[in-house]
Amino acid sequence: MAMTVLERAQPIRLPADPTARWALAATALAYAVLFAQPFVNTAQAWWNDPEAGHGLLLVPL
């Protein structure tokens, strides 16, 4: 019987190399800093603008 993709899926593990972990942490921090304000602006628009309120439905996805 053939294996499906779900049967072969493995959990994502953090890299064992400390340098790779620092690179991953720096990337995550840069992403958070760069996209914090646009995220806040979008969330405020979703919350306050009746025409954009349907955007709140995207959060659970």
N, C-alpha and C. Protein backbone atom coordinates (compact mmCIF):
# COMPACT_ATOMS: atom_id res chain seq x y z
N MET A 1 0.85 -1.17 0.00
CA MET A 1 0.00 0.00 0.00
C MET A 1 0.90 1.24 0.00
N ALA A 2 0.54 2.22 -0.80
CA ALA A 2 1.33 3.45 -0.91
C ALA A 2 1.10 4.35 0.30
N MET A 3 2.17 5.02 0.71
CA MET A 3 2.06 5.95 1.83
C MET A 3 1.59 7.31 1.32
N THR A 4 0.76 7.95 2.11
CA THR A 4 0.32 9.30 1.75
C THR A 4 1.25 10.32 2.38
N VAL A 5 1.07 11.55 1.99
CA VAL A 5 1.90 12.63 2.54
C VAL A 5 1.70 12.74 4.04
N LEU A 6 0.48 12.57 4.50
CA LEU A 6 0.21 12.69 5.93
C LEU A 6 0.91 11.61 6.75
N GLU A 7 1.08 10.45 6.20
CA GLU A 7 1.74 9.37 6.92
C GLU A 7 3.24 9.63 7.06
N ARG A 8 3.82 10.37 6.12
CA ARG A 8 5.25 10.63 6.14
C ARG A 8 5.61 11.96 6.80
N ALA A 9 4.63 12.72 7.19
CA ALA A 9 4.89 14.05 7.76
C ALA A 9 5.66 13.92 9.07
N GLN A 10 6.66 14.76 9.22
CA GLN A 10 7.46 14.80 10.44
C GLN A 10 7.30 16.16 11.09
N PRO A 11 7.35 16.23 12.41
CA PRO A 11 7.25 17.53 13.06
C PRO A 11 8.47 18.40 12.75
N ILE A 12 8.24 19.69 12.73
CA ILE A 12 9.34 20.62 12.50
C ILE A 12 10.14 20.75 13.79
N ARG A 13 11.43 20.55 13.69
CA ARG A 13 12.30 20.62 14.86
C ARG A 13 13.23 21.83 14.73
N LEU A 14 13.58 22.40 15.86
CA LEU A 14 14.55 23.50 15.86
C LEU A 14 15.92 22.95 15.50
N PRO A 15 16.71 23.74 14.80
CA PRO A 15 18.06 23.27 14.46
C PRO A 15 18.91 23.10 15.72
N ALA A 16 19.79 22.13 15.70
CA ALA A 16 20.66 21.87 16.85
C ALA A 16 21.82 22.86 16.92
N ASP A 17 22.20 23.41 15.78
CA ASP A 17 23.32 24.35 15.71
C ASP A 17 22.93 25.68 16.35
N PRO A 18 23.67 26.17 17.35
CA PRO A 18 23.34 27.44 18.00
C PRO A 18 23.32 28.63 17.03
N THR A 19 24.21 28.62 16.04
CA THR A 19 24.22 29.71 15.06
C THR A 19 22.92 29.73 14.26
N ALA A 20 22.44 28.57 13.90
CA ALA A 20 21.18 28.49 13.15
C ALA A 20 20.01 28.94 14.02
N ARG A 21 20.07 28.62 15.31
CA ARG A 21 19.00 29.08 16.21
C ARG A 21 19.00 30.60 16.33
N TRP A 22 20.20 31.20 16.43
CA TRP A 22 20.28 32.66 16.51
C TRP A 22 19.77 33.29 15.22
N ALA A 23 20.09 32.68 14.09
CA ALA A 23 19.61 33.20 12.81
C ALA A 23 18.09 33.12 12.73
N LEU A 24 17.54 32.03 13.20
CA LEU A 24 16.09 31.87 13.22
C LEU A 24 15.44 32.89 14.14
N ALA A 25 16.02 33.10 15.31
CA ALA A 25 15.49 34.08 16.26
C ALA A 25 15.59 35.50 15.69
N ALA A 26 16.70 35.82 15.04
CA ALA A 26 16.86 37.15 14.45
C ALA A 26 15.87 37.37 13.32
N THR A 27 15.62 36.35 12.54
CA THR A 27 14.65 36.45 11.46
C THR A 27 13.24 36.66 12.01
N ALA A 28 12.88 35.91 13.04
CA ALA A 28 11.56 36.06 13.65
C ALA A 28 11.40 37.45 14.27
N LEU A 29 12.43 37.94 14.91
CA LEU A 29 12.38 39.28 15.50
C LEU A 29 12.25 40.35 14.42
N ALA A 30 13.01 40.23 13.36
CA ALA A 30 12.93 41.20 12.26
C ALA A 30 11.55 41.18 11.63
N TYR A 31 10.98 40.01 11.46
CA TYR A 31 9.62 39.90 10.90
C TYR A 31 8.63 40.59 11.82
N ALA A 32 8.73 40.36 13.12
CA ALA A 32 7.81 40.97 14.07
C ALA A 32 7.94 42.49 14.08
N VAL A 33 9.17 42.99 14.03
CA VAL A 33 9.39 44.44 14.05
C VAL A 33 8.89 45.08 12.76
N LEU A 34 9.18 44.45 11.62
CA LEU A 34 8.81 45.04 10.34
C LEU A 34 7.31 45.03 10.09
N PHE A 35 6.60 44.02 10.58
CA PHE A 35 5.19 43.90 10.28
C PHE A 35 4.27 44.23 11.44
N ALA A 36 4.80 44.72 12.55
CA ALA A 36 3.96 45.05 13.71
C ALA A 36 3.00 46.18 13.39
N GLN A 37 3.49 47.28 12.86
CA GLN A 37 2.63 48.43 12.59
C GLN A 37 1.59 48.13 11.51
N PRO A 38 1.95 47.51 10.38
CA PRO A 38 0.91 47.17 9.41
C PRO A 38 -0.15 46.23 9.99
N PHE A 39 0.26 45.30 10.85
CA PHE A 39 -0.70 44.40 11.47
C PHE A 39 -1.65 45.18 12.38
N VAL A 40 -1.12 46.10 13.16
CA VAL A 40 -1.95 46.92 14.05
C VAL A 40 -2.92 47.76 13.24
N ASN A 41 -2.44 48.39 12.17
CA ASN A 41 -3.30 49.21 11.33
C ASN A 41 -4.42 48.39 10.70
N THR A 42 -4.08 47.20 10.22
CA THR A 42 -5.08 46.33 9.62
C THR A 42 -6.10 45.89 10.65
N ALA A 43 -5.65 45.51 11.84
CA ALA A 43 -6.57 45.09 12.90
C ALA A 43 -7.50 46.23 13.31
N GLN A 44 -6.97 47.45 13.38
CA GLN A 44 -7.81 48.60 13.72
C GLN A 44 -8.85 48.86 12.63
N ALA A 45 -8.46 48.73 11.39
CA ALA A 45 -9.41 48.91 10.29
C ALA A 45 -10.50 47.85 10.35
N TRP A 46 -10.12 46.61 10.61
CA TRP A 46 -11.11 45.55 10.71
C TRP A 46 -12.09 45.82 11.84
N TRP A 47 -11.58 46.32 12.96
CA TRP A 47 -12.41 46.53 14.14
C TRP A 47 -13.31 47.75 14.01
N ASN A 48 -12.80 48.83 13.41
CA ASN A 48 -13.52 50.10 13.40
C ASN A 48 -14.31 50.39 12.13
N ASP A 49 -13.95 49.81 11.01
CA ASP A 49 -14.62 50.09 9.74
C ASP A 49 -15.66 49.01 9.46
N PRO A 50 -16.95 49.37 9.42
CA PRO A 50 -17.98 48.36 9.17
C PRO A 50 -17.82 47.67 7.81
N GLU A 51 -17.24 48.36 6.85
CA GLU A 51 -17.05 47.76 5.53
C GLU A 51 -15.90 46.75 5.51
N ALA A 52 -15.04 46.78 6.51
CA ALA A 52 -13.89 45.88 6.54
C ALA A 52 -13.99 44.87 7.68
N GLY A 53 -15.09 44.87 8.42
CA GLY A 53 -15.24 43.99 9.58
C GLY A 53 -15.14 42.52 9.25
N HIS A 54 -15.45 42.14 8.01
CA HIS A 54 -15.35 40.73 7.64
C HIS A 54 -13.91 40.22 7.73
N GLY A 55 -12.94 41.12 7.77
CA GLY A 55 -11.55 40.71 7.91
C GLY A 55 -11.28 40.00 9.23
N LEU A 56 -12.11 40.28 10.24
CA LEU A 56 -11.95 39.60 11.53
C LEU A 56 -12.18 38.10 11.40
N LEU A 57 -12.91 37.69 10.38
CA LEU A 57 -13.14 36.27 10.16
C LEU A 57 -11.88 35.55 9.71
N LEU A 58 -10.89 36.29 9.22
CA LEU A 58 -9.64 35.68 8.76
C LEU A 58 -8.72 35.28 9.90
N VAL A 59 -8.87 35.90 11.05
CA VAL A 59 -7.98 35.65 12.18
C VAL A 59 -7.96 34.17 12.58
N PRO A 60 -9.12 33.50 12.73
CA PRO A 60 -9.06 32.08 13.12
C PRO A 60 -8.42 31.18 12.06
N LEU A 61 -8.40 31.62 10.82
CA LEU A 61 -7.81 30.80 9.77
C LEU A 61 -6.31 30.83 9.88
